[in-house]
Amino acid sequence: MGLELSEIKSLDAIRGMMTKHNVNTLVFKRLAPNDNSKNQIYLGADYSSLQLLPFGKVFADKSKKDSKRDRFKADLPFFWMDDEGRLHKAPNAQLILYPKYPEVRMSGFLKGARVCPGAYLRSRDPGRILLLGITGDQRIIGHLVGRENPVTRELEQYDSEAVFSEIFKKEAEQDTRKQLLTALKEISELGWINSFKLGANGERVPYKAQNGGGYTLEGLLGVTPNGLNEPDFLGWELKQHRSPGLDKPLSGGAVTLMTPEPTGGFYRTEGIFDFVRKFGYPDTKGREDRFNFGGVHKFGELQARTGLTLQLTGYDIKKNQIADITGGISLVSEDGVEAAIWHYGTLLEKWNRKHAKAAYIPSASRKGEITQYQYGHVIALGVGTDFGKFLSAMASRIIYYDPGIKVEGFSSDKPKAKKRSQFRIKPKDIPVLYESMELVDLMTIDPGS
């Protein structure tokens, strides 16, 4: 059963139907002749659309004929909305990411959909406009209008040079920056705070390990520790770091950007114990029966203690492009053993999903019976990132791998392992990862404004 072009004659009516489906953000794209089911719908010449659209797990799809057609794919939770406001699932909708261009497109939005504007999305008709609503539960709702519809004239006031033009965003979504700043101001005014992390039931659990600064900040914001690949607070990723002054956000100790587990190599096939046995070393502080795997690993440099070199397998440094979608960030031994690999597809998904907006907060700590933390009043906000920026920074040795992996009771029948793979950066270098970086003095924020 097909779906004709929209007969809804006002933008308010479409917006009303969208909001009934819990749409928080509504955007539109003017479709070019090549935006059709044969050529796919163009979403941009970089990965910025990944910061707008919810998507599933990214996986590599290698072409058998032409390496230029190698691509990453990710399923989309996509639905078509008809003129009555009813939703119809498009079960085969996908994001297609071509890293060699780079370029992002949407495909499969008609296949398997019982109700969809098929005839109009198979054509090259001018004047078609695709509206996309993003819901609070991470679905995408599509609706198509034609050039004769009065809605097209209403949309002229929203046109921008971007691929997508924003029609509206719910107030709660618009104010996330204000809410974040207000909350961080309150935290900065608390002074010294005992280290803790939130338990499963929201209770404060004292925390003694050295990495308590992040857990304590998250706990103060009501964020329970979890392994979800989502930003920490209201769409913002939070990064606290030790600083020589609470008014100096881009200085001081290293910042951990991501802690992903390897997705391939010896680490993955043989397990962490054999990995540490092969590439680790006895504890340097003499702690008995403990082996470590640590040390700074930078691109192209042999790490003396582990005997491994960090490489960017399948990455073209000159073009800042992924040349082989099956490649990744690799640790390679002098005899060619791939000790660990983090595949590009997985890292791309993690980086773009979590780091579209990030706040960097300076902190100080003091030791006592329990460690205490204090958080700064001048913070840095980074907006607009891209996985290409991440790889470029790694190729320039700005981002490096600095693990904190250990195995205790190494020779016993029940050794205990701590997994901690860390990609880190010095605070002064953080701006290279974002389109814009803003310093904000929280003392100037008026919560009532």
Protein backbone atom coordinates (compact mmCIF):
# COMPACT_ATOMS: atom_id res chain seq x y z
CA MET A 1 0.00 0.00 0.00
CA GLY A 2 1.49 3.36 -1.01
CA LEU A 3 1.50 6.76 0.57
CA GLU A 4 0.97 9.86 -1.57
CA LEU A 5 2.61 13.20 -0.92
CA SER A 6 1.38 14.89 2.23
CA GLU A 7 -2.06 16.48 2.11
CA ILE A 8 -1.44 18.22 5.42
CA LYS A 9 -1.57 21.93 4.56
CA SER A 10 0.08 23.57 7.57
CA LEU A 11 3.35 23.17 9.39
CA ASP A 12 1.57 23.53 12.73
CA ALA A 13 -0.53 20.47 11.92
CA ILE A 14 2.57 18.40 11.12
CA ARG A 15 4.32 19.66 14.22
CA GLY A 16 1.27 18.77 16.33
CA MET A 17 1.23 15.22 15.01
CA MET A 18 4.97 14.87 15.56
CA THR A 19 4.79 16.09 19.17
CA LYS A 20 2.07 13.53 19.91
CA HIS A 21 4.71 10.92 19.11
CA ASN A 22 7.13 12.49 21.62
CA VAL A 23 9.25 14.24 18.99
CA ASN A 24 11.80 16.48 20.70
CA THR A 25 13.54 17.80 17.59
CA LEU A 26 12.06 18.42 14.13
CA VAL A 27 14.27 19.15 11.11
CA PHE A 28 13.86 19.10 7.34
CA LYS A 29 15.97 18.58 4.25
CA ARG A 30 15.23 19.85 0.75
CA LEU A 31 15.74 16.84 -1.48
CA ALA A 32 17.95 17.16 -4.55
CA PRO A 33 17.17 15.12 -7.70
CA ASN A 34 19.76 12.52 -6.59
CA ASP A 35 18.06 12.14 -3.22
CA ASN A 36 16.03 9.06 -4.08
CA SER A 37 15.85 5.38 -3.31
CA LYS A 38 18.31 4.49 -6.09
CA ASN A 39 21.04 6.95 -5.13
CA GLN A 40 20.17 7.10 -1.41
CA ILE A 41 19.53 10.32 0.52
CA TYR A 42 22.58 12.47 1.13
CA LEU A 43 23.13 13.41 4.79
CA GLY A 44 26.43 15.25 4.62
CA ALA A 45 30.11 15.24 3.70
CA ASP A 46 31.18 14.40 7.27
CA TYR A 47 29.84 12.41 10.21
CA SER A 48 27.96 15.29 11.86
CA SER A 49 24.57 13.75 11.04
CA LEU A 50 25.47 10.96 13.47
CA GLN A 51 25.09 13.51 16.24
CA LEU A 52 21.47 14.14 15.24
CA LEU A 53 20.12 10.75 14.22
CA PRO A 54 19.80 7.78 16.58
CA PHE A 55 21.30 4.65 15.05
CA GLY A 56 22.24 1.08 15.89
CA LYS A 57 25.56 -0.75 16.00
CA VAL A 58 28.02 0.27 13.28
CA PHE A 59 29.41 -2.59 11.19
CA ALA A 60 31.76 -2.84 8.19
CA ASP A 61 30.42 -3.77 4.75
CA LYS A 62 33.33 -4.48 2.40
CA SER A 63 32.65 -4.34 -1.35
CA LYS A 64 33.71 -7.33 -3.46
CA LYS A 65 34.19 -5.18 -6.56
CA ASP A 66 35.39 -1.68 -5.72
CA SER A 67 37.17 -0.58 -2.55
CA LYS A 68 35.74 2.92 -3.03
CA ARG A 69 32.38 1.39 -2.21
CA ASP A 70 33.59 -0.01 1.12
CA ARG A 71 31.38 1.43 3.81
CA PHE A 72 30.12 1.29 7.34
CA LYS A 73 26.45 0.63 7.98
CA ALA A 74 24.12 1.12 10.92
CA ASP A 75 20.43 0.30 11.26
CA LEU A 76 18.00 3.19 11.75
CA PRO A 77 14.82 3.07 13.90
CA PHE A 78 12.82 4.75 11.11
CA PHE A 79 9.03 5.19 10.69
CA TRP A 80 6.91 6.96 8.06
CA MET A 81 4.05 9.12 9.31
CA ASP A 82 0.90 9.28 7.19
CA ASP A 83 -1.61 12.16 6.94
CA GLU A 84 -3.57 10.80 9.90
CA GLY A 85 -0.50 10.77 12.11
CA ARG A 86 -0.17 6.98 12.07
CA LEU A 87 3.32 5.46 12.02
CA HIS A 88 4.56 2.75 9.66
CA LYS A 89 7.92 1.08 10.25
CA ALA A 90 10.62 1.06 7.56
CA PRO A 91 12.43 -2.08 8.78
CA ASN A 92 15.40 -1.89 6.41
CA ALA A 93 16.35 1.77 6.86
CA GLN A 94 20.10 2.22 7.30
CA LEU A 95 22.83 4.77 7.59
CA ILE A 96 25.57 4.29 5.02
CA LEU A 97 28.95 5.85 5.85
CA TYR A 98 31.50 6.06 3.04
CA PRO A 99 34.82 6.86 4.78
CA LYS A 100 36.81 7.47 1.57
CA TYR A 101 34.76 10.48 0.52
CA PRO A 102 33.76 10.91 3.42
CA GLU A 103 30.01 10.94 3.07
CA VAL A 104 26.92 9.77 4.92
CA ARG A 105 23.71 8.65 3.23
CA MET A 106 20.43 7.02 4.20
CA SER A 107 19.15 3.96 2.34
CA GLY A 108 16.57 1.19 2.65
CA PHE A 109 13.84 3.62 3.74
CA LEU A 110 11.30 2.10 1.33
CA LYS A 111 12.22 -1.59 1.36
CA GLY A 112 9.82 -3.61 3.49
CA ALA A 113 7.75 -0.57 4.46
CA ARG A 114 4.05 -1.35 3.91
CA VAL A 115 3.15 2.33 3.84
CA CYS A 116 5.65 4.88 2.45
CA PRO A 117 5.88 7.66 -0.18
CA GLY A 118 7.50 5.18 -2.58
CA ALA A 119 6.69 6.76 -5.94
CA TYR A 120 8.03 10.15 -4.87
CA LEU A 121 11.23 8.78 -3.37
CA ARG A 122 11.97 6.74 -6.46
CA SER A 123 11.70 9.88 -8.59
CA ARG A 124 13.93 12.89 -9.21
CA ASP A 125 11.09 15.37 -8.82
CA PRO A 126 12.22 18.84 -7.67
CA GLY A 127 10.77 20.55 -4.62
CA ARG A 128 10.36 17.50 -2.40
CA ILE A 129 11.01 18.12 1.29
CA LEU A 130 11.73 15.42 3.86
CA LEU A 131 10.82 16.21 7.46
CA LEU A 132 12.46 14.16 10.20
CA GLY A 133 11.34 14.08 13.82
CA ILE A 134 13.62 12.66 16.53
CA THR A 135 11.69 11.25 19.47
CA GLY A 136 12.57 11.07 23.14
CA ASP A 137 12.82 7.29 22.91
CA GLN A 138 15.28 7.50 20.00
CA ARG A 139 13.13 6.88 16.94
CA ILE A 140 13.11 8.77 13.65
CA ILE A 141 9.76 9.77 12.12
CA GLY A 142 9.74 10.80 8.46
CA HIS A 143 7.13 12.74 6.46
CA LEU A 144 7.35 13.94 2.84
CA VAL A 145 5.79 17.09 1.34
CA GLY A 146 5.82 18.25 -2.28
CA ARG A 147 6.57 21.63 -3.85
CA GLU A 148 2.89 22.57 -4.27
CA ASN A 149 2.13 22.08 -0.58
CA PRO A 150 1.76 25.39 1.36
CA VAL A 151 4.06 23.88 3.98
CA THR A 152 7.01 24.39 1.61
CA ARG A 153 6.50 28.15 1.73
CA GLU A 154 6.28 28.10 5.52
CA LEU A 155 9.60 26.27 5.67
CA GLU A 156 11.44 29.03 3.80
CA GLN A 157 11.86 30.97 7.05
CA TYR A 158 13.88 28.08 8.54
CA ASP A 159 16.29 27.51 5.65
CA SER A 160 19.99 27.33 6.50
CA GLU A 161 23.15 26.30 4.69
CA ALA A 162 23.34 23.08 6.68
CA VAL A 163 22.09 19.75 5.33
CA PHE A 164 19.29 19.84 7.89
CA SER A 165 17.36 22.96 8.91
CA GLU A 166 15.85 22.92 12.39
CA ILE A 167 12.14 23.71 12.76
CA PHE A 168 11.83 23.29 16.50
CA LYS A 169 13.39 21.75 19.54
CA LYS A 170 11.48 21.20 22.77
CA GLU A 171 12.31 23.69 25.48
CA ALA A 172 13.83 20.98 27.65
CA GLU A 173 16.21 20.14 24.78
CA GLN A 174 17.07 23.78 24.10
CA ASP A 175 17.97 24.50 27.70
CA THR A 176 20.40 21.63 28.28
CA ARG A 177 23.36 24.03 28.20
CA LYS A 178 21.72 26.29 30.77
CA GLN A 179 20.74 23.33 32.95
CA LEU A 180 24.27 21.93 32.78
CA LEU A 181 25.88 25.25 33.70
CA THR A 182 23.46 25.84 36.56
CA ALA A 183 24.16 22.37 37.99
CA LEU A 184 27.94 22.75 37.64
CA LYS A 185 27.81 26.16 39.32
CA GLU A 186 26.04 24.65 42.32
CA ILE A 187 28.67 21.91 42.49
CA SER A 188 31.55 24.39 42.27
CA GLU A 189 30.10 26.25 45.24
CA LEU A 190 30.01 23.14 47.45
CA GLY A 191 33.73 23.22 48.23
CA TRP A 192 35.38 19.98 49.31
CA ILE A 193 33.29 16.82 48.80
CA ASN A 194 34.04 13.30 50.06
CA SER A 195 34.76 10.86 47.25
CA PHE A 196 31.79 8.62 46.41
CA LYS A 197 29.86 6.99 43.61
CA LEU A 198 26.17 6.34 43.31
CA GLY A 199 24.93 2.86 44.04
CA ALA A 200 22.22 1.12 42.05
CA ASN A 201 19.54 2.54 44.35
CA GLY A 202 20.93 6.07 44.24
CA GLU A 203 22.71 5.88 47.59
CA ARG A 204 26.15 7.46 48.03
CA VAL A 205 28.81 4.77 48.39
CA PRO A 206 32.24 5.95 49.69
CA TYR A 207 34.89 5.43 47.02
CA LYS A 208 38.61 5.17 47.80
CA ALA A 209 40.28 4.55 44.42
CA GLN A 210 42.28 7.31 42.73
CA ASN A 211 39.79 7.75 39.89
CA GLY A 212 37.02 8.96 42.22
CA GLY A 213 36.90 12.48 40.77
CA GLY A 214 34.74 11.45 37.84
CA TYR A 215 32.44 9.22 39.89
CA THR A 216 31.94 11.95 42.50
CA LEU A 217 31.06 14.57 39.88
CA GLU A 218 28.64 12.20 38.17
CA GLY A 219 27.10 11.30 41.51
CA LEU A 220 26.49 14.96 42.35
CA LEU A 221 24.60 15.22 39.06
CA GLY A 222 22.57 12.08 39.80
CA VAL A 223 24.36 9.96 37.20
CA THR A 224 24.75 6.28 38.13
CA PRO A 225 27.91 4.58 36.77
CA ASN A 226 27.09 2.45 33.74
CA GLY A 227 28.64 1.17 30.53
CA LEU A 228 26.11 2.76 28.21
CA ASN A 229 27.45 4.40 25.07
CA GLU A 230 25.57 7.64 25.73
CA PRO A 231 26.53 11.10 27.04
CA ASP A 232 26.54 11.48 30.80
CA PHE A 233 24.15 14.36 31.53
CA LEU A 234 21.42 15.94 29.33
CA GLY A 235 23.30 15.06 26.15
CA TRP A 236 26.65 16.35 27.49
CA GLU A 237 29.70 14.18 28.06
CA LEU A 238 31.43 15.18 31.33
CA LYS A 239 35.21 15.13 31.74
CA GLN A 240 36.82 16.25 34.99
CA HIS A 241 40.59 16.50 35.27
CA ARG A 242 43.17 17.58 37.82
CA SER A 243 44.23 21.17 37.31
CA PRO A 244 46.71 23.56 38.97
CA GLY A 245 43.84 26.00 39.47
CA LEU A 246 40.07 25.74 39.59
CA ASP A 247 39.85 28.59 37.08
CA LYS A 248 42.12 26.78 34.58
CA PRO A 249 40.04 24.21 32.66
CA LEU A 250 42.48 23.46 29.85
CA SER A 251 45.56 22.80 31.93
CA GLY A 252 46.91 20.17 34.28
CA GLY A 253 46.61 16.40 34.24
CA ALA A 254 45.70 14.24 31.28
CA VAL A 255 42.05 13.71 30.33
CA THR A 256 40.73 10.23 29.57
CA LEU A 257 38.56 10.50 26.46
CA MET A 258 37.41 6.89 26.10
CA THR A 259 37.98 3.52 27.77
CA PRO A 260 36.87 0.99 25.11
CA GLU A 261 37.88 -2.65 25.28
CA PRO A 262 39.79 -4.02 22.25
CA THR A 263 37.60 -5.63 19.61
CA GLY A 264 40.29 -7.82 18.05
CA GLY A 265 43.85 -9.12 18.23
CA PHE A 266 45.59 -11.37 20.76
CA TYR A 267 43.82 -9.63 23.66
CA ARG A 268 40.46 -10.62 22.24
CA THR A 269 41.25 -14.15 21.08
CA GLU A 270 43.39 -15.30 24.02
CA GLY A 271 42.01 -13.21 26.87
CA ILE A 272 43.41 -10.66 29.27
CA PHE A 273 45.51 -13.09 31.36
CA ASP A 274 47.49 -14.46 28.43
CA PHE A 275 47.74 -10.93 27.01
CA VAL A 276 49.34 -9.59 30.20
CA ARG A 277 51.54 -12.69 30.46
CA LYS A 278 52.85 -12.10 26.94
CA PHE A 279 53.09 -8.31 26.77
CA GLY A 280 53.02 -7.17 30.41
CA TYR A 281 55.75 -6.89 33.04
CA PRO A 282 56.23 -7.40 36.80
CA ASP A 283 54.96 -4.56 38.96
CA THR A 284 57.57 -1.78 39.03
CA LYS A 285 56.88 -0.96 42.70
CA GLY A 286 57.68 -4.49 43.80
CA ARG A 287 54.16 -5.55 44.70
CA GLU A 288 54.34 -9.30 44.89
CA ASP A 289 52.75 -11.56 42.28
CA ARG A 290 51.36 -8.66 40.27
CA PHE A 291 51.84 -8.01 36.56
CA ASN A 292 50.96 -4.76 34.80
CA PHE A 293 50.37 -3.57 31.29
CA GLY A 294 50.78 0.20 31.09
CA GLY A 295 52.80 3.04 29.69
CA VAL A 296 52.17 5.74 27.11
CA HIS A 297 51.81 4.34 23.57
CA LYS A 298 51.96 6.95 20.79
CA PHE A 299 51.49 6.46 17.07
CA GLY A 300 54.58 5.04 15.36
CA GLU A 301 56.71 4.89 18.52
CA LEU A 302 57.97 1.67 20.11
CA GLN A 303 56.93 1.43 23.76
CA ALA A 304 60.03 0.01 25.43
CA ARG A 305 58.32 -1.69 28.37
CA THR A 306 55.61 -3.54 26.41
CA GLY A 307 57.53 -3.94 23.14
CA LEU A 308 54.48 -2.73 21.19
CA THR A 309 53.98 0.04 18.64
CA LEU A 310 50.67 1.82 18.15
CA GLN A 311 49.64 1.82 14.50
CA LEU A 312 46.65 3.16 12.56
CA THR A 313 45.98 0.17 10.33
CA GLY A 314 44.09 1.07 7.16
CA TYR A 315 44.20 4.83 7.78
CA ASP A 316 45.53 7.31 5.19
CA ILE A 317 47.26 10.03 7.22
CA LYS A 318 47.72 12.45 4.30
CA LYS A 319 44.06 12.34 3.31
CA ASN A 320 42.76 11.89 6.88
CA GLN A 321 40.63 9.02 5.60
CA ILE A 322 39.90 5.46 6.60
CA ALA A 323 41.27 3.51 3.62
CA ASP A 324 40.36 0.06 4.96
CA ILE A 325 37.11 -0.26 6.90
CA THR A 326 38.30 -3.53 8.51
CA GLY A 327 41.26 -1.74 10.10
CA GLY A 328 41.64 0.04 13.38
CA ILE A 329 43.95 1.36 16.05
CA SER A 330 46.40 -1.48 16.61
CA LEU A 331 49.15 -2.45 19.03
CA VAL A 332 51.72 -4.46 17.09
CA SER A 333 54.78 -6.33 18.40
CA GLU A 334 58.21 -6.17 16.78
CA ASP A 335 57.64 -9.62 15.27
CA GLY A 336 54.32 -8.57 13.76
CA VAL A 337 51.84 -9.96 16.30
CA GLU A 338 48.70 -7.84 16.53
CA ALA A 339 48.38 -7.65 20.30
CA ALA A 340 45.14 -5.64 20.30
CA ILE A 341 42.97 -3.75 17.86
CA TRP A 342 40.12 -1.30 18.25
CA HIS A 343 38.19 -1.44 14.98
CA TYR A 344 37.28 1.89 13.42
CA GLY A 345 33.57 1.13 13.14
CA THR A 346 33.17 0.58 16.89
CA LEU A 347 35.25 3.64 17.80
CA LEU A 348 33.39 5.84 15.31
CA GLU A 349 30.10 4.85 16.92
CA LYS A 350 31.36 5.53 20.44
CA TRP A 351 33.04 8.83 19.63
CA ASN A 352 30.28 10.48 17.63
CA ARG A 353 27.50 9.29 19.91
CA LYS A 354 29.11 10.37 23.20
CA HIS A 355 31.21 13.41 22.34
CA ALA A 356 28.98 15.63 20.20
CA LYS A 357 28.88 17.99 23.20
CA ALA A 358 31.36 17.77 26.04
CA ALA A 359 32.16 19.72 29.21
CA TYR A 360 35.68 19.75 30.66
CA ILE A 361 35.78 20.61 34.37
CA PRO A 362 38.99 21.27 36.35
CA SER A 363 39.25 19.63 39.75
CA ALA A 364 41.47 19.45 42.80
CA SER A 365 41.87 16.64 45.31
CA ARG A 366 43.24 16.22 48.78
CA LYS A 367 44.01 13.01 50.61
CA GLY A 368 42.88 12.18 54.09
CA GLU A 369 40.99 9.37 55.72
CA ILE A 370 38.92 9.61 52.56
CA THR A 371 39.91 11.54 49.45
CA GLN A 372 38.01 14.76 48.79
CA TYR A 373 37.38 16.64 45.56
CA GLN A 374 36.59 20.20 44.62
CA TYR A 375 35.40 21.35 41.18
CA GLY A 376 36.31 24.47 39.26
CA HIS A 377 34.20 27.47 38.36
CA VAL A 378 35.71 28.03 34.90
CA ILE A 379 34.91 25.20 32.51
CA ALA A 380 35.39 24.46 28.81
CA LEU A 381 32.54 23.43 26.50
CA GLY A 382 33.36 21.65 23.24
CA VAL A 383 30.71 21.37 20.51
CA GLY A 384 30.84 19.74 17.07
CA THR A 385 33.30 16.88 16.79
CA ASP A 386 33.99 14.22 14.22
CA PHE A 387 35.81 10.88 14.27
CA GLY A 388 38.18 12.23 11.61
CA LYS A 389 39.37 14.79 14.16
CA PHE A 390 40.02 11.98 16.64
CA LEU A 391 42.12 9.97 14.18
CA SER A 392 44.01 13.05 13.00
CA ALA A 393 44.89 13.88 16.60
CA MET A 394 46.09 10.33 17.18
CA ALA A 395 48.23 10.41 14.03
CA SER A 396 49.74 13.67 15.35
CA ARG A 397 50.49 11.94 18.70
CA ILE A 398 48.14 14.32 20.50
CA ILE A 399 45.86 11.46 21.57
CA TYR A 400 47.69 8.44 22.98
CA TYR A 401 46.94 5.06 24.53
CA ASP A 402 47.77 4.91 28.24
CA PRO A 403 46.35 1.73 29.80
CA GLY A 404 46.13 0.85 33.46
CA ILE A 405 45.72 -2.94 33.18
CA LYS A 406 46.86 -5.20 36.01
CA VAL A 407 46.63 -8.82 37.11
CA GLU A 408 46.96 -9.61 40.84
CA GLY A 409 47.65 -13.09 42.17
CA PHE A 410 49.33 -13.67 38.85
CA SER A 411 50.69 -17.15 39.65
CA SER A 412 47.69 -18.29 41.68
CA ASP A 413 44.81 -20.50 40.59
CA LYS A 414 42.44 -17.52 40.70
CA PRO A 415 44.22 -14.41 39.40
CA LYS A 416 42.23 -11.16 39.36
CA ALA A 417 42.40 -8.79 36.40
CA LYS A 418 41.54 -5.12 36.16
CA LYS A 419 40.69 -3.92 32.67
CA ARG A 420 41.50 -0.29 31.89
CA SER A 421 42.19 0.68 28.29
CA GLN A 422 42.45 4.46 28.07
CA PHE A 423 42.77 6.90 25.18
CA ARG A 424 44.00 10.17 26.66
CA ILE A 425 44.90 13.74 25.76
CA LYS A 426 46.53 16.73 27.46
CA PRO A 427 43.99 19.44 28.29
CA LYS A 428 45.74 22.12 26.25
CA ASP A 429 45.22 20.00 23.11
CA ILE A 430 41.49 19.40 23.58
CA PRO A 431 40.33 22.26 21.28
CA VAL A 432 41.61 20.42 18.17
CA LEU A 433 38.80 17.89 18.67
CA TYR A 434 35.92 20.36 18.31
CA GLU A 435 34.52 22.85 15.86
CA SER A 436 34.11 25.33 18.71
CA MET A 437 35.49 25.54 22.24
CA GLU A 438 34.07 28.00 24.77
CA LEU A 439 35.33 28.92 28.23
CA VAL A 440 32.56 29.72 30.72
CA ASP A 441 32.98 31.27 34.15
CA LEU A 442 30.20 29.70 36.22
CA MET A 443 30.33 32.60 38.69
CA THR A 444 28.76 34.78 36.00
CA ILE A 445 25.83 32.44 35.42
CA ASP A 446 22.48 33.66 36.69
CA PRO A 447 20.28 30.60 37.39
CA GLY A 448 17.13 32.73 37.07
CA SER A 449 17.91 34.10 33.63
